Amino acid sequence: MPARYSDFQIRNVRAKRADSFAIYFDGNSSEPIRNISVENFSVLEARNATYLYKTLNCSFKNCFVNSSPLPLMPKEDIERKGCDVW
């Protein structure tokens, strides 16, 4: 089965604050999120930088959270986490 979210780019995003995660990619075993490129992305203040679950080939170039650079290929999370910010 193809991924529900795949093959796109996110560029030139700047935000002051994220309540929970600056980047939240939540895929699943049958439909991993794949081939997403994030470039020139900055969040000044976030409780957590990234959450990547069931993803493949997601890259981050020139991305910063809490003034710290993100790795080009951040580690995959091994547990599912909620993002309840409503």
N, C-alpha and C. Protein backbone atom coordinates (compact mmCIF):
# COMPACT_ATOMS: atom_id res chain seq x y z
N MET A 1 0.85 -1.18 0.00
CA MET A 1 0.00 0.00 0.00
C MET A 1 0.89 1.24 0.00
N PRO A 2 0.61 2.24 -0.84
CA PRO A 2 1.42 3.45 -0.86
C PRO A 2 1.22 4.29 0.40
N ALA A 3 2.18 5.13 0.67
CA ALA A 3 2.08 6.02 1.83
C ALA A 3 0.98 7.04 1.63
N ARG A 4 0.33 7.38 2.71
CA ARG A 4 -0.70 8.42 2.66
C ARG A 4 -0.05 9.79 2.46
N TYR A 5 1.11 10.00 3.06
CA TYR A 5 1.86 11.24 2.91
C TYR A 5 3.24 10.90 2.38
N SER A 6 3.58 11.38 1.18
CA SER A 6 4.89 11.08 0.62
C SER A 6 5.26 12.08 -0.46
N ASP A 7 6.54 12.15 -0.70
CA ASP A 7 7.11 12.87 -1.84
C ASP A 7 6.70 14.34 -1.92
N PHE A 8 6.96 15.08 -0.84
CA PHE A 8 6.74 16.52 -0.91
C PHE A 8 7.78 17.25 -0.07
N GLN A 9 7.80 18.58 -0.22
CA GLN A 9 8.76 19.43 0.47
C GLN A 9 8.04 20.47 1.32
N ILE A 10 8.67 20.78 2.45
CA ILE A 10 8.22 21.88 3.31
C ILE A 10 9.39 22.84 3.38
N ARG A 11 9.18 24.08 2.97
CA ARG A 11 10.29 25.04 2.91
C ARG A 11 9.90 26.39 3.50
N ASN A 12 10.93 27.04 4.04
CA ASN A 12 10.84 28.44 4.46
C ASN A 12 9.71 28.68 5.46
N VAL A 13 9.76 27.95 6.57
CA VAL A 13 8.77 28.08 7.64
C VAL A 13 9.47 28.66 8.87
N ARG A 14 8.86 29.70 9.43
CA ARG A 14 9.37 30.29 10.67
C ARG A 14 8.21 30.44 11.64
N ALA A 15 8.43 30.00 12.87
CA ALA A 15 7.39 30.12 13.90
C ALA A 15 8.05 30.54 15.21
N LYS A 16 7.28 31.23 16.02
CA LYS A 16 7.78 31.61 17.34
C LYS A 16 7.67 30.46 18.33
N ARG A 17 6.53 29.72 18.28
CA ARG A 17 6.30 28.73 19.33
C ARG A 17 5.50 27.54 18.80
N ALA A 18 5.84 26.37 19.33
CA ALA A 18 5.05 25.16 19.12
C ALA A 18 4.74 24.60 20.50
N ASP A 19 3.48 24.34 20.79
CA ASP A 19 3.08 23.90 22.13
C ASP A 19 3.63 22.53 22.50
N SER A 20 3.76 21.64 21.55
CA SER A 20 4.23 20.30 21.86
C SER A 20 5.47 19.94 21.04
N PHE A 21 5.30 19.59 19.77
CA PHE A 21 6.40 19.21 18.89
C PHE A 21 6.53 20.23 17.75
N ALA A 22 7.77 20.60 17.43
CA ALA A 22 7.98 21.47 16.27
C ALA A 22 7.70 20.70 14.98
N ILE A 23 8.10 19.44 14.93
CA ILE A 23 7.84 18.54 13.79
C ILE A 23 7.16 17.30 14.34
N TYR A 24 6.00 16.95 13.78
CA TYR A 24 5.24 15.78 14.23
C TYR A 24 4.82 14.97 13.00
N PHE A 25 5.54 13.87 12.74
CA PHE A 25 5.23 12.97 11.62
C PHE A 25 4.81 11.64 12.23
N ASP A 26 3.55 11.29 12.12
CA ASP A 26 3.01 10.08 12.75
C ASP A 26 2.46 9.14 11.67
N GLY A 27 3.30 8.23 11.20
CA GLY A 27 2.88 7.26 10.20
C GLY A 27 2.41 5.98 10.85
N ASN A 28 2.27 4.93 10.06
CA ASN A 28 1.93 3.61 10.60
C ASN A 28 2.64 2.55 9.77
N SER A 29 2.60 1.32 10.23
CA SER A 29 3.37 0.25 9.58
C SER A 29 2.97 0.04 8.12
N SER A 30 1.68 0.10 7.83
CA SER A 30 1.24 -0.15 6.45
C SER A 30 1.37 1.08 5.56
N GLU A 31 1.43 2.28 6.15
CA GLU A 31 1.55 3.52 5.38
C GLU A 31 2.55 4.47 6.04
N PRO A 32 3.85 4.13 6.01
CA PRO A 32 4.82 5.04 6.61
C PRO A 32 4.87 6.36 5.85
N ILE A 33 5.18 7.41 6.57
CA ILE A 33 5.40 8.72 5.93
C ILE A 33 6.77 8.65 5.29
N ARG A 34 6.86 9.00 3.99
CA ARG A 34 8.14 8.80 3.31
C ARG A 34 8.47 9.93 2.35
N ASN A 35 9.79 10.09 2.17
CA ASN A 35 10.34 11.03 1.20
C ASN A 35 9.85 12.46 1.40
N ILE A 36 9.96 12.94 2.63
CA ILE A 36 9.60 14.32 2.95
C ILE A 36 10.89 15.10 3.18
N SER A 37 11.02 16.22 2.53
CA SER A 37 12.19 17.09 2.68
C SER A 37 11.75 18.39 3.35
N VAL A 38 12.38 18.71 4.48
CA VAL A 38 12.10 19.95 5.20
C VAL A 38 13.36 20.80 5.11
N GLU A 39 13.19 22.04 4.66
CA GLU A 39 14.34 22.91 4.45
C GLU A 39 14.03 24.33 4.91
N ASN A 40 15.00 24.96 5.56
CA ASN A 40 14.86 26.34 6.06
C ASN A 40 13.63 26.46 6.97
N PHE A 41 13.68 25.72 8.05
CA PHE A 41 12.58 25.61 9.01
C PHE A 41 13.11 26.05 10.37
N SER A 42 12.35 26.89 11.08
CA SER A 42 12.80 27.37 12.38
C SER A 42 11.61 27.57 13.32
N VAL A 43 11.74 27.01 14.52
CA VAL A 43 10.79 27.26 15.60
C VAL A 43 11.61 27.73 16.79
N LEU A 44 11.33 28.92 17.27
CA LEU A 44 12.14 29.50 18.34
C LEU A 44 11.95 28.79 19.67
N GLU A 45 10.74 28.33 19.96
CA GLU A 45 10.46 27.71 21.25
C GLU A 45 9.50 26.53 21.07
N ALA A 46 9.93 25.35 21.49
CA ALA A 46 9.08 24.15 21.43
C ALA A 46 9.47 23.22 22.58
N ARG A 47 8.46 22.59 23.16
CA ARG A 47 8.71 21.63 24.22
C ARG A 47 9.57 20.47 23.71
N ASN A 48 9.26 20.00 22.49
CA ASN A 48 9.99 18.89 21.86
C ASN A 48 10.33 19.28 20.42
N ALA A 49 11.50 18.89 19.97
CA ALA A 49 11.91 19.26 18.61
C ALA A 49 11.19 18.42 17.56
N THR A 50 11.34 17.10 17.62
CA THR A 50 10.77 16.25 16.57
C THR A 50 10.10 15.01 17.16
N TYR A 51 9.15 14.51 16.40
CA TYR A 51 8.55 13.20 16.63
C TYR A 51 8.40 12.57 15.26
N LEU A 52 9.15 11.52 15.01
CA LEU A 52 9.10 10.80 13.74
C LEU A 52 8.79 9.34 14.04
N TYR A 53 7.61 8.90 13.66
CA TYR A 53 7.18 7.53 13.94
C TYR A 53 6.71 6.89 12.64
N LYS A 54 7.32 5.77 12.31
CA LYS A 54 6.99 5.04 11.08
C LYS A 54 7.19 5.97 9.87
N THR A 55 8.43 6.44 9.72
CA THR A 55 8.80 7.29 8.59
C THR A 55 9.96 6.65 7.84
N LEU A 56 10.11 7.03 6.58
CA LEU A 56 11.23 6.58 5.75
C LEU A 56 11.74 7.75 4.94
N ASN A 57 13.05 7.97 4.98
CA ASN A 57 13.71 8.96 4.13
C ASN A 57 13.13 10.37 4.31
N CYS A 58 13.02 10.82 5.55
CA CYS A 58 12.61 12.20 5.83
C CYS A 58 13.86 12.98 6.24
N SER A 59 14.13 14.08 5.55
CA SER A 59 15.37 14.81 5.78
C SER A 59 15.08 16.26 6.19
N PHE A 60 16.05 16.84 6.91
CA PHE A 60 15.91 18.18 7.48
C PHE A 60 17.20 18.96 7.20
N LYS A 61 17.12 19.94 6.31
CA LYS A 61 18.27 20.75 5.93
C LYS A 61 18.07 22.18 6.41
N ASN A 62 19.04 22.69 7.14
CA ASN A 62 18.99 24.05 7.66
C ASN A 62 17.73 24.25 8.51
N CYS A 63 17.52 23.33 9.46
CA CYS A 63 16.35 23.37 10.34
C CYS A 63 16.81 23.57 11.79
N PHE A 64 16.09 24.43 12.51
CA PHE A 64 16.45 24.77 13.88
C PHE A 64 15.21 24.76 14.77
N VAL A 65 15.37 24.20 15.97
CA VAL A 65 14.33 24.24 17.00
C VAL A 65 15.01 24.63 18.30
N ASN A 66 14.47 25.61 18.99
CA ASN A 66 15.07 26.12 20.23
C ASN A 66 16.51 26.57 19.98
N SER A 67 16.74 27.15 18.82
CA SER A 67 18.06 27.64 18.38
C SER A 67 19.10 26.55 18.19
N SER A 68 18.70 25.30 18.20
CA SER A 68 19.62 24.18 17.98
C SER A 68 19.34 23.54 16.62
N PRO A 69 20.39 23.21 15.88
CA PRO A 69 20.16 22.59 14.58
C PRO A 69 19.63 21.16 14.71
N LEU A 70 18.75 20.79 13.79
CA LEU A 70 18.28 19.41 13.73
C LEU A 70 19.25 18.61 12.88
N PRO A 71 19.43 17.33 13.20
CA PRO A 71 20.26 16.50 12.32
C PRO A 71 19.59 16.34 10.96
N LEU A 72 20.39 16.09 9.94
CA LEU A 72 19.86 15.91 8.59
C LEU A 72 18.83 14.78 8.56
N MET A 73 19.10 13.70 9.26
CA MET A 73 18.19 12.55 9.32
C MET A 73 17.98 12.19 10.80
N PRO A 74 17.02 12.83 11.49
CA PRO A 74 16.81 12.53 12.92
C PRO A 74 16.41 11.08 13.14
N LYS A 75 16.66 10.61 14.34
CA LYS A 75 16.32 9.23 14.70
C LYS A 75 14.81 9.04 14.75
N GLU A 76 14.41 7.87 14.38
CA GLU A 76 13.00 7.46 14.41
C GLU A 76 12.60 7.18 15.86
N ASP A 77 11.42 7.64 16.27
CA ASP A 77 10.89 7.30 17.59
C ASP A 77 10.42 5.84 17.56
N ILE A 78 10.58 5.13 18.66
CA ILE A 78 10.18 3.72 18.69
C ILE A 78 8.81 3.52 19.34
N GLU A 79 8.28 4.55 19.98
CA GLU A 79 6.96 4.48 20.60
C GLU A 79 6.06 5.56 20.01
N ARG A 80 4.80 5.23 19.87
CA ARG A 80 3.82 6.23 19.42
C ARG A 80 3.58 7.23 20.55
N LYS A 81 3.52 8.51 20.19
CA LYS A 81 3.27 9.58 21.16
C LYS A 81 2.11 10.44 20.66
N GLY A 82 1.30 10.87 21.56
CA GLY A 82 0.18 11.74 21.20
C GLY A 82 0.65 13.19 21.10
N CYS A 83 -0.18 13.97 20.46
CA CYS A 83 0.12 15.40 20.31
C CYS A 83 -1.15 16.17 20.64
N ASP A 84 -1.57 16.10 21.89
CA ASP A 84 -2.83 16.74 22.31
C ASP A 84 -2.54 18.19 22.70
N VAL A 85 -2.84 19.09 21.78
CA VAL A 85 -2.61 20.50 22.04
C VAL A 85 -3.89 21.31 21.88
N TRP A 86 -5.01 20.66 21.75
CA TRP A 86 -6.27 21.37 21.51
C TRP A 86 -6.80 21.95 22.77
